[in-house]
């Protein structure tokens, strides 16, 4: 609404430029738009600035579809294994950033209860009733998957939207490295030293300029 017909948004411009530079670009705009009106699950939280784990599943699947072209063992798990359900939880970071007590308000949104094991031993959110993410997941994270045979290694440069699916992706990898949030710089030497199969830049629209600068 309010966008002139034929206008090319920044996301589309970035996708075109990156593809011309040789990158494999995954644009989730069409996949998420296809969900509008076709699901009872929430795509975005009402009181938090992030998408839900349900929306993040489509990014997970798209990335794993790329993995599976070379590493069939890394194909995406079926959506039925993610246990998406609606829950009432504490308000999210929009209330927290305003200095309001998020624990006094509860809102309904979509969360996941996976039926498989990941190599991650940490909470995704502050606690089991929270919508706000666990700050520990904002730092450098490195995981080795004991069930990683036949699966790829990767390095992810990321923003906070990655937190909704980092554990799922680590389970589809042999070794996974997650840079601290919003650190999008990497040298050729660092990339070569890690020797990973993939370097993933995971970013939402509002952080695109951090990648394109």
N, C-alpha and C. Protein backbone atom coordinates (compact mmCIF):
# COMPACT_ATOMS: atom_id res chain seq x y z
N UNK A 1 0.84 -1.19 0.00
CA UNK A 1 0.00 0.00 0.00
C UNK A 1 0.88 1.24 0.00
N UNK A 2 0.52 2.23 -0.82
CA UNK A 2 1.25 3.47 -0.86
C UNK A 2 2.53 3.43 -1.67
N UNK A 3 2.83 2.29 -2.30
CA UNK A 3 4.03 2.17 -3.12
C UNK A 3 3.63 2.26 -4.59
N UNK A 4 4.27 3.15 -5.32
CA UNK A 4 3.94 3.35 -6.72
C UNK A 4 4.18 2.08 -7.52
N UNK A 5 3.24 1.76 -8.39
CA UNK A 5 3.35 0.58 -9.23
C UNK A 5 4.64 0.63 -10.05
N UNK A 6 5.38 -0.47 -10.04
CA UNK A 6 6.61 -0.53 -10.80
C UNK A 6 7.85 -0.13 -10.02
N UNK A 7 7.65 0.32 -8.78
CA UNK A 7 8.79 0.70 -7.94
C UNK A 7 9.60 -0.54 -7.57
N UNK A 8 10.90 -0.44 -7.63
CA UNK A 8 11.78 -1.53 -7.23
C UNK A 8 12.32 -1.22 -5.84
N UNK A 9 12.02 -2.08 -4.88
CA UNK A 9 12.43 -1.81 -3.50
C UNK A 9 13.91 -2.14 -3.31
N UNK A 10 14.46 -1.71 -2.17
CA UNK A 10 15.88 -1.93 -1.89
C UNK A 10 16.22 -3.41 -1.88
N UNK A 11 15.33 -4.24 -1.32
CA UNK A 11 15.59 -5.68 -1.27
C UNK A 11 15.77 -6.25 -2.68
N UNK A 12 14.91 -5.83 -3.59
CA UNK A 12 14.99 -6.32 -4.96
C UNK A 12 16.26 -5.81 -5.66
N UNK A 13 16.61 -4.56 -5.40
CA UNK A 13 17.84 -4.02 -5.99
C UNK A 13 19.06 -4.78 -5.46
N UNK A 14 19.06 -5.03 -4.15
CA UNK A 14 20.19 -5.74 -3.54
C UNK A 14 20.29 -7.16 -4.09
N UNK A 15 19.15 -7.83 -4.22
CA UNK A 15 19.14 -9.20 -4.72
C UNK A 15 19.72 -9.26 -6.14
N UNK A 16 19.34 -8.31 -6.97
CA UNK A 16 19.84 -8.28 -8.34
C UNK A 16 21.35 -8.03 -8.37
N UNK A 17 21.81 -7.08 -7.56
CA UNK A 17 23.24 -6.75 -7.55
C UNK A 17 24.08 -7.91 -7.03
N UNK A 18 23.60 -8.56 -5.97
CA UNK A 18 24.35 -9.67 -5.40
C UNK A 18 24.40 -10.86 -6.35
N UNK A 19 23.28 -11.11 -7.03
CA UNK A 19 23.25 -12.21 -8.00
C UNK A 19 24.22 -11.95 -9.15
N UNK A 20 24.28 -10.70 -9.60
CA UNK A 20 25.21 -10.34 -10.67
C UNK A 20 26.66 -10.54 -10.23
N UNK A 21 26.89 -10.41 -8.91
CA UNK A 21 28.23 -10.60 -8.37
C UNK A 21 28.58 -12.05 -8.12
N UNK A 22 27.67 -12.96 -8.41
CA UNK A 22 27.94 -14.39 -8.29
C UNK A 22 27.38 -15.05 -7.05
N UNK A 23 26.68 -14.30 -6.21
CA UNK A 23 26.10 -14.89 -5.00
C UNK A 23 24.80 -15.63 -5.33
N UNK A 24 24.52 -16.65 -4.56
CA UNK A 24 23.20 -17.29 -4.61
C UNK A 24 22.29 -16.51 -3.68
N UNK A 25 21.25 -15.92 -4.21
CA UNK A 25 20.37 -15.04 -3.44
C UNK A 25 19.06 -15.75 -3.14
N UNK A 26 18.69 -15.75 -1.87
CA UNK A 26 17.40 -16.29 -1.45
C UNK A 26 16.55 -15.12 -0.95
N UNK A 27 15.54 -14.77 -1.69
CA UNK A 27 14.63 -13.67 -1.33
C UNK A 27 13.35 -14.29 -0.79
N UNK A 28 13.08 -14.08 0.49
CA UNK A 28 11.92 -14.72 1.11
C UNK A 28 10.63 -13.93 0.95
N UNK A 29 10.71 -12.77 0.32
CA UNK A 29 9.50 -11.97 0.14
C UNK A 29 8.34 -12.75 -0.46
N UNK A 30 8.51 -13.40 -1.61
CA UNK A 30 7.40 -14.14 -2.21
C UNK A 30 6.87 -15.27 -1.33
N UNK A 31 7.77 -16.01 -0.66
CA UNK A 31 7.33 -17.13 0.18
C UNK A 31 6.49 -16.66 1.36
N UNK A 32 6.89 -15.54 1.97
CA UNK A 32 6.14 -15.03 3.11
C UNK A 32 4.82 -14.41 2.67
N UNK A 33 4.83 -13.72 1.54
CA UNK A 33 3.58 -13.15 1.03
C UNK A 33 2.57 -14.25 0.72
N UNK A 34 3.06 -15.39 0.25
CA UNK A 34 2.17 -16.51 -0.07
C UNK A 34 1.47 -17.05 1.16
N UNK A 35 2.05 -16.82 2.35
CA UNK A 35 1.44 -17.30 3.59
C UNK A 35 0.32 -16.40 4.08
N UNK A 36 0.30 -15.16 3.64
CA UNK A 36 -0.70 -14.22 4.11
C UNK A 36 -2.10 -14.69 3.73
N UNK A 37 -2.95 -14.85 4.71
CA UNK A 37 -4.31 -15.31 4.47
C UNK A 37 -4.43 -16.80 4.27
N UNK A 38 -3.30 -17.53 4.30
CA UNK A 38 -3.33 -18.97 4.06
C UNK A 38 -2.85 -19.79 5.25
N UNK A 39 -2.69 -19.15 6.39
CA UNK A 39 -2.24 -19.86 7.59
C UNK A 39 -2.86 -19.23 8.82
N UNK A 40 -3.02 -20.05 9.85
CA UNK A 40 -3.49 -19.53 11.14
C UNK A 40 -2.32 -19.12 12.03
N UNK A 41 -1.10 -19.36 11.57
CA UNK A 41 0.08 -19.02 12.35
C UNK A 41 0.50 -17.57 12.08
N UNK A 42 1.15 -16.98 13.07
CA UNK A 42 1.66 -15.62 12.94
C UNK A 42 3.00 -15.63 12.21
N UNK A 43 3.21 -14.63 11.36
CA UNK A 43 4.50 -14.46 10.70
C UNK A 43 5.40 -13.52 11.49
N UNK A 44 4.80 -12.54 12.15
CA UNK A 44 5.54 -11.58 12.96
C UNK A 44 4.86 -11.43 14.31
N UNK A 45 5.67 -11.20 15.34
CA UNK A 45 5.12 -10.95 16.67
C UNK A 45 4.48 -9.56 16.71
N UNK A 46 3.45 -9.42 17.53
CA UNK A 46 2.77 -8.13 17.66
C UNK A 46 3.52 -7.18 18.59
N UNK A 47 4.32 -7.71 19.51
CA UNK A 47 5.00 -6.87 20.50
C UNK A 47 6.52 -7.01 20.42
N UNK A 48 7.01 -7.60 19.36
CA UNK A 48 8.45 -7.81 19.20
C UNK A 48 8.83 -7.48 17.76
N UNK A 49 10.05 -7.00 17.58
CA UNK A 49 10.47 -6.52 16.26
C UNK A 49 10.94 -7.64 15.33
N UNK A 50 10.76 -8.90 15.73
CA UNK A 50 11.25 -10.02 14.93
C UNK A 50 10.11 -10.86 14.34
N UNK A 51 10.50 -11.67 13.35
CA UNK A 51 9.53 -12.62 12.84
C UNK A 51 9.42 -13.80 13.79
N UNK A 52 8.40 -14.61 13.56
CA UNK A 52 8.20 -15.79 14.40
C UNK A 52 9.03 -16.95 13.87
N UNK A 53 9.11 -18.00 14.67
CA UNK A 53 9.80 -19.20 14.21
C UNK A 53 9.08 -19.82 13.02
N UNK A 54 7.77 -19.63 12.94
CA UNK A 54 7.03 -20.17 11.79
C UNK A 54 7.52 -19.49 10.50
N UNK A 55 7.64 -18.18 10.50
CA UNK A 55 8.15 -17.48 9.32
C UNK A 55 9.59 -17.89 9.04
N UNK A 56 10.38 -18.06 10.11
CA UNK A 56 11.78 -18.43 9.95
C UNK A 56 11.93 -19.82 9.32
N UNK A 57 10.93 -20.67 9.48
CA UNK A 57 11.01 -22.01 8.89
C UNK A 57 11.23 -21.92 7.38
N UNK A 58 10.63 -20.93 6.73
CA UNK A 58 10.74 -20.84 5.27
C UNK A 58 12.15 -20.43 4.85
N UNK A 59 12.85 -19.66 5.70
CA UNK A 59 14.26 -19.37 5.45
C UNK A 59 15.09 -20.63 5.66
N UNK A 60 14.81 -21.34 6.74
CA UNK A 60 15.49 -22.61 7.02
C UNK A 60 15.35 -23.57 5.84
N UNK A 61 14.14 -23.72 5.33
CA UNK A 61 13.91 -24.66 4.23
C UNK A 61 14.65 -24.22 2.97
N UNK A 62 14.62 -22.93 2.69
CA UNK A 62 15.29 -22.44 1.48
C UNK A 62 16.80 -22.66 1.56
N UNK A 63 17.38 -22.42 2.73
CA UNK A 63 18.83 -22.63 2.90
C UNK A 63 19.16 -24.12 2.79
N UNK A 64 18.36 -24.95 3.44
CA UNK A 64 18.61 -26.39 3.39
C UNK A 64 18.40 -26.96 2.00
N UNK A 65 17.49 -26.38 1.24
CA UNK A 65 17.32 -26.81 -0.15
C UNK A 65 18.60 -26.57 -0.94
N UNK A 66 19.29 -25.47 -0.65
CA UNK A 66 20.59 -25.21 -1.29
C UNK A 66 21.64 -26.21 -0.81
N UNK A 67 21.68 -26.44 0.51
CA UNK A 67 22.61 -27.45 1.04
C UNK A 67 22.44 -28.80 0.34
N UNK A 68 21.18 -29.20 0.20
CA UNK A 68 20.86 -30.55 -0.28
C UNK A 68 21.30 -30.79 -1.72
N UNK A 69 21.55 -29.73 -2.48
CA UNK A 69 22.02 -29.91 -3.85
C UNK A 69 23.38 -30.60 -3.87
N UNK A 70 24.19 -30.35 -2.84
CA UNK A 70 25.51 -30.98 -2.73
C UNK A 70 25.60 -31.98 -1.57
N UNK A 71 24.74 -31.78 -0.58
CA UNK A 71 24.77 -32.62 0.63
C UNK A 71 23.35 -33.10 0.93
N UNK A 72 22.93 -34.20 0.32
CA UNK A 72 21.55 -34.68 0.50
C UNK A 72 21.16 -34.90 1.96
N UNK A 73 22.12 -35.22 2.82
CA UNK A 73 21.81 -35.44 4.24
C UNK A 73 21.38 -34.17 4.95
N UNK A 74 21.61 -33.02 4.31
CA UNK A 74 21.27 -31.74 4.92
C UNK A 74 19.94 -31.19 4.44
N UNK A 75 19.14 -32.01 3.78
CA UNK A 75 17.82 -31.56 3.32
C UNK A 75 16.97 -31.11 4.50
N UNK A 76 16.08 -30.19 4.26
CA UNK A 76 15.23 -29.65 5.32
C UNK A 76 14.33 -30.72 5.93
N UNK A 77 14.15 -30.65 7.22
CA UNK A 77 13.17 -31.51 7.87
C UNK A 77 11.77 -31.03 7.52
N UNK A 78 10.81 -31.94 7.58
CA UNK A 78 9.43 -31.60 7.26
C UNK A 78 8.87 -30.65 8.31
N UNK A 79 7.99 -29.79 7.88
CA UNK A 79 7.41 -28.79 8.78
C UNK A 79 6.67 -29.43 9.95
N UNK A 80 6.21 -30.67 9.78
CA UNK A 80 5.49 -31.36 10.85
C UNK A 80 6.38 -31.64 12.06
N UNK A 81 7.71 -31.61 11.87
CA UNK A 81 8.64 -31.89 12.96
C UNK A 81 8.95 -30.67 13.83
N UNK A 82 8.31 -29.55 13.53
CA UNK A 82 8.64 -28.32 14.23
C UNK A 82 7.58 -27.91 15.27
N UNK A 83 6.48 -28.59 15.29
CA UNK A 83 5.49 -28.38 16.34
C UNK A 83 5.04 -26.94 16.52
N UNK A 84 4.73 -26.27 15.44
CA UNK A 84 4.30 -24.88 15.54
C UNK A 84 2.94 -24.79 16.23
N UNK A 85 2.86 -23.89 17.20
CA UNK A 85 1.62 -23.73 17.96
C UNK A 85 1.55 -22.31 18.50
N UNK A 86 0.33 -21.89 18.78
CA UNK A 86 0.10 -20.56 19.33
C UNK A 86 0.20 -20.60 20.85
N UNK A 87 0.88 -19.60 21.42
CA UNK A 87 1.06 -19.53 22.87
C UNK A 87 0.91 -18.08 23.33
N UNK A 88 0.49 -17.92 24.58
CA UNK A 88 0.52 -16.61 25.20
C UNK A 88 1.84 -16.49 25.96
N UNK A 89 2.63 -15.48 25.59
CA UNK A 89 3.91 -15.26 26.25
C UNK A 89 4.07 -13.78 26.60
N UNK A 90 5.09 -13.50 27.40
CA UNK A 90 5.38 -12.12 27.76
C UNK A 90 5.59 -11.26 26.52
N UNK A 91 5.32 -9.96 26.66
CA UNK A 91 5.53 -9.02 25.57
C UNK A 91 7.00 -9.01 25.16
N UNK A 92 7.23 -8.59 23.92
CA UNK A 92 8.57 -8.65 23.36
C UNK A 92 9.39 -7.38 23.51
N UNK A 93 10.39 -7.22 22.64
CA UNK A 93 11.37 -6.15 22.82
C UNK A 93 10.83 -4.76 22.56
N UNK A 94 9.70 -4.63 21.86
CA UNK A 94 9.12 -3.31 21.64
C UNK A 94 8.69 -2.69 22.96
N UNK A 95 8.20 -3.50 23.86
CA UNK A 95 7.83 -3.02 25.20
C UNK A 95 9.08 -2.82 26.04
N UNK A 96 10.01 -3.75 25.95
CA UNK A 96 11.25 -3.67 26.73
C UNK A 96 12.02 -2.40 26.37
N UNK A 97 12.10 -2.08 25.09
CA UNK A 97 12.85 -0.90 24.64
C UNK A 97 12.21 0.40 25.11
N UNK A 98 10.92 0.36 25.39
CA UNK A 98 10.22 1.54 25.91
C UNK A 98 10.28 1.63 27.43
N UNK A 99 10.98 0.70 28.04
CA UNK A 99 11.11 0.72 29.49
C UNK A 99 9.89 0.21 30.22
N UNK A 100 9.02 -0.51 29.52
CA UNK A 100 7.80 -1.04 30.12
C UNK A 100 8.04 -2.45 30.64
N UNK A 101 7.27 -2.85 31.61
CA UNK A 101 7.42 -4.19 32.18
C UNK A 101 6.74 -5.22 31.28
N UNK A 102 7.55 -5.93 30.54
CA UNK A 102 7.01 -6.90 29.58
C UNK A 102 6.33 -8.08 30.25
N UNK A 103 6.70 -8.35 31.53
CA UNK A 103 6.13 -9.50 32.23
C UNK A 103 4.68 -9.27 32.65
N UNK A 104 4.21 -8.03 32.57
CA UNK A 104 2.83 -7.73 32.97
C UNK A 104 1.85 -7.92 31.82
N UNK A 105 2.36 -8.09 30.61
CA UNK A 105 1.51 -8.22 29.43
C UNK A 105 1.83 -9.52 28.71
N UNK A 106 0.79 -10.20 28.26
CA UNK A 106 0.98 -11.43 27.49
C UNK A 106 0.22 -11.32 26.18
N UNK A 107 0.84 -11.82 25.12
CA UNK A 107 0.25 -11.76 23.80
C UNK A 107 0.40 -13.11 23.12
N UNK A 108 -0.52 -13.37 22.22
CA UNK A 108 -0.55 -14.64 21.51
C UNK A 108 0.32 -14.56 20.27
N UNK A 109 1.18 -15.56 20.08
CA UNK A 109 2.00 -15.63 18.88
C UNK A 109 2.39 -17.08 18.62
N UNK A 110 3.17 -17.30 17.57
CA UNK A 110 3.51 -18.66 17.14
C UNK A 110 4.94 -19.01 17.56
N UNK A 111 5.08 -20.19 18.16
CA UNK A 111 6.39 -20.68 18.60
C UNK A 111 6.53 -22.14 18.19
N UNK A 112 7.76 -22.62 18.22
CA UNK A 112 8.06 -23.99 17.78
C UNK A 112 8.45 -24.87 18.95
N UNK A 113 8.03 -26.14 18.87
CA UNK A 113 8.47 -27.17 19.81
C UNK A 113 8.95 -28.36 18.97
N UNK A 114 10.23 -28.33 18.63
CA UNK A 114 10.77 -29.32 17.70
C UNK A 114 10.76 -30.72 18.30
N UNK A 115 10.63 -31.71 17.42
CA UNK A 115 10.58 -33.11 17.86
C UNK A 115 11.91 -33.82 17.60
N UNK A 116 12.96 -33.06 17.27
CA UNK A 116 14.27 -33.65 17.00
C UNK A 116 15.31 -32.95 17.89
N UNK A 117 16.50 -33.54 17.94
CA UNK A 117 17.57 -33.02 18.79
C UNK A 117 18.55 -32.19 17.97
N UNK A 118 18.99 -31.07 18.53
CA UNK A 118 20.00 -30.24 17.89
C UNK A 118 21.27 -30.23 18.75
N UNK A 119 22.40 -29.82 18.19
CA UNK A 119 23.64 -29.76 18.98
C UNK A 119 23.75 -28.50 19.83
N UNK A 120 22.63 -27.87 20.13
CA UNK A 120 22.60 -26.59 20.85
C UNK A 120 22.12 -26.83 22.27
N UNK A 121 22.88 -26.35 23.24
CA UNK A 121 22.50 -26.49 24.65
C UNK A 121 22.32 -25.11 25.27
N UNK A 122 21.38 -24.36 24.74
CA UNK A 122 21.10 -23.03 25.26
C UNK A 122 19.68 -22.62 24.87
N UNK A 123 19.10 -21.71 25.62
CA UNK A 123 17.76 -21.23 25.32
C UNK A 123 17.79 -20.26 24.14
N UNK A 124 16.77 -20.32 23.32
CA UNK A 124 16.64 -19.37 22.22
C UNK A 124 16.13 -18.02 22.73
N UNK A 125 15.25 -18.10 23.73
CA UNK A 125 14.67 -16.89 24.33
C UNK A 125 15.16 -16.75 25.77
N UNK A 126 14.86 -15.61 26.38
CA UNK A 126 15.30 -15.34 27.76
C UNK A 126 14.93 -16.46 28.72
N UNK A 127 13.71 -16.94 28.58
CA UNK A 127 13.22 -18.07 29.37
C UNK A 127 12.03 -18.65 28.63
N UNK A 128 11.43 -19.69 29.16
CA UNK A 128 10.41 -20.44 28.42
C UNK A 128 9.12 -19.66 28.20
N UNK A 129 8.90 -18.58 28.95
CA UNK A 129 7.70 -17.77 28.77
C UNK A 129 7.99 -16.47 28.04
N UNK A 130 9.22 -16.32 27.54
CA UNK A 130 9.66 -15.05 26.94
C UNK A 130 9.48 -15.03 25.43
N UNK A 131 9.34 -13.82 24.91
CA UNK A 131 9.42 -13.56 23.47
C UNK A 131 10.76 -12.91 23.14
N UNK A 132 11.35 -12.22 24.10
CA UNK A 132 12.64 -11.56 23.91
C UNK A 132 13.75 -12.60 23.79
N UNK A 133 14.65 -12.41 22.84
CA UNK A 133 15.72 -13.38 22.58
C UNK A 133 16.76 -13.38 23.70
N UNK A 134 17.43 -14.51 23.84
CA UNK A 134 18.51 -14.69 24.80
C UNK A 134 19.76 -13.98 24.28
N UNK A 135 20.28 -13.02 25.03
CA UNK A 135 21.43 -12.24 24.58
C UNK A 135 22.67 -13.08 24.32
N UNK A 136 22.78 -14.25 24.94
CA UNK A 136 23.94 -15.11 24.70
C UNK A 136 24.05 -15.51 23.23
N UNK A 137 22.91 -15.54 22.55
CA UNK A 137 22.89 -15.95 21.15
C UNK A 137 23.31 -14.83 20.20
N UNK A 138 23.61 -13.67 20.77
CA UNK A 138 24.06 -12.54 19.96
C UNK A 138 25.57 -12.56 19.74
N UNK A 139 26.28 -13.37 20.51
CA UNK A 139 27.74 -13.42 20.44
C UNK A 139 28.21 -14.46 19.42
N UNK A 140 29.51 -14.55 19.25
CA UNK A 140 30.09 -15.60 18.40
C UNK A 140 29.66 -16.97 18.91
N UNK A 141 29.21 -17.83 18.00
CA UNK A 141 28.80 -19.18 18.38
C UNK A 141 29.42 -20.17 17.40
N UNK A 142 29.93 -21.27 17.93
CA UNK A 142 30.54 -22.31 17.11
C UNK A 142 30.05 -23.66 17.60
N UNK A 143 29.55 -24.47 16.69
CA UNK A 143 28.97 -25.75 17.07
C UNK A 143 29.51 -26.87 16.19
N UNK A 144 29.72 -28.02 16.81
CA UNK A 144 30.05 -29.25 16.09
C UNK A 144 28.92 -30.23 16.31
N UNK A 145 28.40 -30.77 15.24
CA UNK A 145 27.26 -31.67 15.30
C UNK A 145 27.74 -33.13 15.36
N UNK A 146 27.46 -33.85 16.44
CA UNK A 146 27.88 -35.26 16.52
C UNK A 146 27.20 -36.13 15.46
N UNK A 147 26.10 -35.62 14.90
CA UNK A 147 25.40 -36.34 13.83
C UNK A 147 25.63 -35.61 12.50
N UNK A 148 26.86 -35.17 12.27
CA UNK A 148 27.13 -34.31 11.12
C UNK A 148 27.66 -35.00 9.88
N UNK A 149 27.72 -36.33 9.88
CA UNK A 149 28.27 -37.03 8.71
C UNK A 149 27.44 -36.73 7.46
N UNK A 150 28.12 -36.36 6.39
CA UNK A 150 27.45 -36.08 5.13
C UNK A 150 26.79 -34.72 5.08
N UNK A 151 27.05 -33.88 6.07
CA UNK A 151 26.44 -32.56 6.13
C UNK A 151 27.51 -31.48 5.94
N UNK A 152 27.13 -30.29 5.50
CA UNK A 152 28.12 -29.25 5.18
C UNK A 152 28.56 -28.45 6.41
N UNK A 153 29.60 -27.67 6.23
CA UNK A 153 30.03 -26.69 7.22
C UNK A 153 29.69 -25.30 6.68
N UNK A 154 29.43 -24.37 7.58
CA UNK A 154 29.14 -23.01 7.11
C UNK A 154 29.52 -21.96 8.14
N UNK A 155 29.70 -20.76 7.63
CA UNK A 155 29.88 -19.55 8.44
C UNK A 155 28.72 -18.63 8.12
N UNK A 156 28.06 -18.10 9.15
CA UNK A 156 26.95 -17.19 8.93
C UNK A 156 27.27 -15.81 9.50
N UNK A 157 27.17 -14.80 8.64
CA UNK A 157 27.18 -13.40 9.04
C UNK A 157 25.72 -12.99 9.15
N UNK A 158 25.30 -12.38 10.25
CA UNK A 158 23.87 -12.39 10.54
C UNK A 158 23.38 -11.17 11.31
N UNK A 159 22.07 -10.99 11.23
CA UNK A 159 21.39 -10.07 12.13
C UNK A 159 20.51 -10.88 13.08
N UNK A 160 19.70 -10.20 13.87
CA UNK A 160 18.97 -10.89 14.95
C UNK A 160 17.85 -11.79 14.46
N UNK A 161 17.45 -11.66 13.20
CA UNK A 161 16.42 -12.56 12.67
C UNK A 161 16.94 -14.00 12.59
N UNK A 162 18.24 -14.16 12.59
CA UNK A 162 18.83 -15.51 12.51
C UNK A 162 18.59 -16.34 13.76
N UNK A 163 18.31 -15.67 14.87
CA UNK A 163 18.20 -16.40 16.14
C UNK A 163 17.01 -17.36 16.14
N UNK A 164 16.00 -17.08 15.35
CA UNK A 164 14.83 -17.95 15.33
C UNK A 164 15.10 -19.29 14.65
N UNK A 165 16.24 -19.43 13.97
CA UNK A 165 16.48 -20.70 13.27
C UNK A 165 17.90 -21.20 13.36
N UNK A 166 18.79 -20.54 14.14
CA UNK A 166 20.20 -20.95 14.14
C UNK A 166 20.38 -22.39 14.62
N UNK A 167 19.58 -22.81 15.59
CA UNK A 167 19.72 -24.18 16.11
C UNK A 167 19.29 -25.22 15.09
N UNK A 168 18.26 -24.90 14.33
CA UNK A 168 17.80 -25.83 13.29
C UNK A 168 18.88 -26.01 12.23
N UNK A 169 19.51 -24.90 11.82
CA UNK A 169 20.55 -24.99 10.79
C UNK A 169 21.79 -25.72 11.30
N UNK A 170 22.13 -25.51 12.57
CA UNK A 170 23.28 -26.21 13.14
C UNK A 170 23.07 -27.72 13.11
N UNK A 171 21.82 -28.15 13.21
CA UNK A 171 21.51 -29.58 13.18
C UNK A 171 21.64 -30.14 11.77
N UNK A 172 21.55 -29.30 10.77
CA UNK A 172 21.69 -29.73 9.38
C UNK A 172 23.12 -29.59 8.87
N UNK A 173 24.05 -29.22 9.76
CA UNK A 173 25.45 -29.01 9.39
C UNK A 173 26.36 -29.95 10.16
N UNK A 174 27.59 -30.07 9.69
CA UNK A 174 28.62 -30.79 10.46
C UNK A 174 29.26 -29.84 11.46
N UNK A 175 29.67 -28.68 10.97
CA UNK A 175 30.24 -27.62 11.81
C UNK A 175 29.59 -26.31 11.38
N UNK A 176 29.22 -25.49 12.35
CA UNK A 176 28.60 -24.21 12.04
C UNK A 176 29.22 -23.10 12.88
N UNK A 177 29.46 -21.98 12.23
CA UNK A 177 30.02 -20.79 12.89
C UNK A 177 29.06 -19.63 12.68
N UNK A 178 28.71 -18.95 13.75
CA UNK A 178 27.82 -17.80 13.68
C UNK A 178 28.56 -16.58 14.21
N UNK A 179 28.79 -15.61 13.34
CA UNK A 179 29.47 -14.38 13.77
C UNK A 179 28.58 -13.62 14.75
N UNK A 180 29.17 -12.75 15.59
CA UNK A 180 28.33 -11.90 16.45
C UNK A 180 27.35 -11.09 15.60
N UNK A 181 26.21 -10.77 16.17
CA UNK A 181 25.19 -10.05 15.41
C UNK A 181 25.73 -8.75 14.83
N UNK A 182 25.35 -8.50 13.58
CA UNK A 182 25.62 -7.26 12.85
C UNK A 182 27.09 -7.06 12.52
N UNK A 183 27.90 -8.09 12.62
CA UNK A 183 29.29 -8.02 12.14
C UNK A 183 29.34 -8.64 10.75
N UNK A 184 29.22 -7.80 9.73
CA UNK A 184 29.12 -8.30 8.36
C UNK A 184 30.45 -8.23 7.60
N UNK A 185 31.51 -7.85 8.28
CA UNK A 185 32.82 -7.80 7.63
C UNK A 185 33.56 -9.12 7.82
N UNK A 186 34.18 -9.59 6.76
CA UNK A 186 35.01 -10.80 6.85
C UNK A 186 36.11 -10.70 5.80
N UNK A 187 37.31 -11.06 6.19
CA UNK A 187 38.43 -11.01 5.26
C UNK A 187 38.54 -12.32 4.50
N UNK A 188 39.21 -12.27 3.37
CA UNK A 188 39.44 -13.48 2.59
C UNK A 188 40.27 -14.48 3.39
N UNK A 189 41.20 -13.96 4.20
CA UNK A 189 42.05 -14.82 5.02
C UNK A 189 41.23 -15.58 6.07
N UNK A 190 40.30 -14.86 6.71
CA UNK A 190 39.46 -15.50 7.73
C UNK A 190 38.59 -16.58 7.10
N UNK A 191 38.00 -16.27 5.97
CA UNK A 191 37.15 -17.25 5.29
C UNK A 191 37.95 -18.48 4.88
N UNK A 192 39.15 -18.26 4.36
CA UNK A 192 39.98 -19.38 3.91
C UNK A 192 40.43 -20.23 5.09
N UNK A 193 40.72 -19.60 6.22
CA UNK A 193 41.19 -20.33 7.40
C UNK A 193 40.11 -21.27 7.94
N UNK A 194 38.86 -20.84 7.85
CA UNK A 194 37.76 -21.69 8.33
C UNK A 194 37.51 -22.86 7.39
N UNK A 195 37.71 -22.64 6.10
CA UNK A 195 37.56 -23.71 5.13
C UNK A 195 36.15 -24.29 5.06
N UNK A 196 35.15 -23.44 5.22
CA UNK A 196 33.76 -23.93 5.24
C UNK A 196 33.23 -24.13 3.83
N UNK A 197 32.17 -24.90 3.74
CA UNK A 197 31.53 -25.15 2.45
C UNK A 197 30.70 -23.96 1.98
N UNK A 198 30.14 -23.23 2.94
CA UNK A 198 29.26 -22.10 2.60
C UNK A 198 29.55 -20.91 3.51
N UNK A 199 29.46 -19.72 2.94
CA UNK A 199 29.40 -18.49 3.72
C UNK A 199 28.02 -17.89 3.48
N UNK A 200 27.26 -17.73 4.54
CA UNK A 200 25.89 -17.26 4.44
C UNK A 200 25.79 -15.87 5.05
N UNK A 201 25.22 -14.94 4.31
CA UNK A 201 24.90 -13.61 4.85
C UNK A 201 23.40 -13.58 5.06
N UNK A 202 22.99 -13.51 6.32
CA UNK A 202 21.58 -13.62 6.69
C UNK A 202 21.13 -12.26 7.21
N UNK A 203 20.26 -11.59 6.46
CA UNK A 203 19.92 -10.21 6.81
C UNK A 203 18.48 -9.91 6.41
N UNK A 204 17.80 -9.13 7.25
CA UNK A 204 16.45 -8.67 6.92
C UNK A 204 16.55 -7.32 6.22
N UNK A 205 15.42 -6.86 5.69
CA UNK A 205 15.42 -5.64 4.88
C UNK A 205 16.06 -4.45 5.59
N UNK A 206 15.74 -4.26 6.87
CA UNK A 206 16.18 -3.03 7.55
C UNK A 206 17.69 -3.01 7.78
N UNK A 207 18.36 -4.12 7.61
CA UNK A 207 19.82 -4.17 7.80
C UNK A 207 20.58 -4.33 6.49
N UNK A 208 19.89 -4.20 5.36
CA UNK A 208 20.55 -4.41 4.07
C UNK A 208 21.70 -3.44 3.85
N UNK A 209 21.55 -2.20 4.31
CA UNK A 209 22.61 -1.21 4.09
C UNK A 209 23.90 -1.59 4.78
N UNK A 210 23.80 -2.39 5.85
CA UNK A 210 25.01 -2.85 6.54
C UNK A 210 25.82 -3.79 5.66
N UNK A 211 25.14 -4.50 4.78
CA UNK A 211 25.81 -5.44 3.88
C UNK A 211 26.31 -4.73 2.63
N UNK A 212 25.54 -3.74 2.17
CA UNK A 212 25.83 -3.10 0.89
C UNK A 212 26.83 -1.96 0.98
N UNK A 213 27.16 -1.53 2.20
CA UNK A 213 28.05 -0.37 2.35
C UNK A 213 29.43 -0.62 1.72
